[in-house]
């Protein structure tokens, strides 16, 4: 285990337990989870992935959003 927190934590897919996964992320003071439909595809042009943010994340204030791509390329 690294001595410093990693900016990302990859967790293999978890089917049908999204609510429990989100609650665990909130309980662990993680920023968010990323979800998609099991049948959803990922392509560079379009994706069904959604970032679900923890509204009580303790480090959110004043932090650039690493995944916020709104306006990217604009």
Protein backbone atom coordinates (compact mmCIF):
# COMPACT_ATOMS: atom_id res chain seq x y z
CA UNK A 1 0.00 0.00 0.00
CA UNK A 2 1.38 3.44 -0.91
CA UNK A 3 2.27 5.81 1.92
CA UNK A 4 0.20 8.58 0.31
CA UNK A 5 -3.37 8.49 -0.98
CA UNK A 6 -3.78 7.77 -4.68
CA UNK A 7 -5.91 10.19 -6.72
CA UNK A 8 -7.85 7.27 -8.20
CA UNK A 9 -8.95 3.90 -6.93
CA UNK A 10 -9.89 1.35 -9.58
CA UNK A 11 -12.47 -1.17 -8.45
CA UNK A 12 -13.53 -3.95 -10.76
CA UNK A 13 -17.17 -3.80 -11.86
CA UNK A 14 -19.84 -4.35 -9.25
CA UNK A 15 -23.15 -5.47 -10.73
CA UNK A 16 -26.49 -4.53 -9.17
CA UNK A 17 -24.97 -2.98 -6.02
CA UNK A 18 -24.66 0.64 -7.09
CA UNK A 19 -26.51 2.12 -4.13
CA UNK A 20 -24.40 0.13 -1.64
CA UNK A 21 -21.22 1.06 -3.52
CA UNK A 22 -22.14 4.76 -3.45
CA UNK A 23 -22.95 4.58 0.28
CA UNK A 24 -19.58 2.91 0.95
CA UNK A 25 -17.82 5.65 -1.05
CA UNK A 26 -19.60 8.34 0.97
CA UNK A 27 -18.84 6.57 4.25
CA UNK A 28 -15.17 6.44 3.24
CA UNK A 29 -15.17 10.15 2.34
CA UNK A 30 -14.41 9.38 -1.31
CA UNK A 31 -15.22 12.01 -3.91
CA UNK A 32 -17.41 9.92 -6.20
CA UNK A 33 -18.11 6.72 -8.03
CA UNK A 34 -18.37 6.22 -11.79
CA UNK A 35 -21.22 4.15 -13.17
CA UNK A 36 -22.74 3.05 -16.45
CA UNK A 37 -25.34 0.66 -17.75
CA UNK A 38 -23.99 -2.88 -18.05
CA UNK A 39 -24.95 -2.79 -21.73
CA UNK A 40 -23.51 0.67 -22.26
CA UNK A 41 -20.54 0.99 -24.57
CA UNK A 42 -17.59 3.31 -24.22
CA UNK A 43 -16.34 5.14 -27.27
CA UNK A 44 -14.35 8.37 -27.47
CA UNK A 45 -17.30 10.06 -29.17
CA UNK A 46 -20.02 9.13 -26.68
CA UNK A 47 -20.35 7.32 -23.43
CA UNK A 48 -23.03 6.30 -20.96
CA UNK A 49 -20.65 6.66 -18.00
CA UNK A 50 -21.81 8.96 -15.21
CA UNK A 51 -19.82 10.41 -12.30
CA UNK A 52 -21.92 10.36 -9.12
CA UNK A 53 -20.45 12.80 -6.60
CA UNK A 54 -20.50 12.52 -2.83
CA UNK A 55 -22.19 15.79 -1.74
CA UNK A 56 -20.43 15.64 1.65
CA UNK A 57 -16.91 15.04 0.31
CA UNK A 58 -14.65 16.85 2.78
CA UNK A 59 -11.99 17.98 0.30
CA UNK A 60 -14.26 19.36 -2.42
CA UNK A 61 -13.93 23.07 -1.65
CA UNK A 62 -11.29 24.87 -3.70
CA UNK A 63 -10.27 21.73 -5.57
CA UNK A 64 -10.15 21.47 -9.34
CA UNK A 65 -12.36 18.68 -10.54
CA UNK A 66 -10.03 16.15 -12.13
CA UNK A 67 -12.82 14.58 -14.21
CA UNK A 68 -14.81 17.68 -15.09
CA UNK A 69 -14.54 17.84 -18.85
CA UNK A 70 -17.40 20.29 -19.42
CA UNK A 71 -16.02 22.85 -21.78
CA UNK A 72 -12.98 20.75 -22.65
CA UNK A 73 -11.79 21.68 -26.08
CA UNK A 74 -13.89 24.83 -26.01
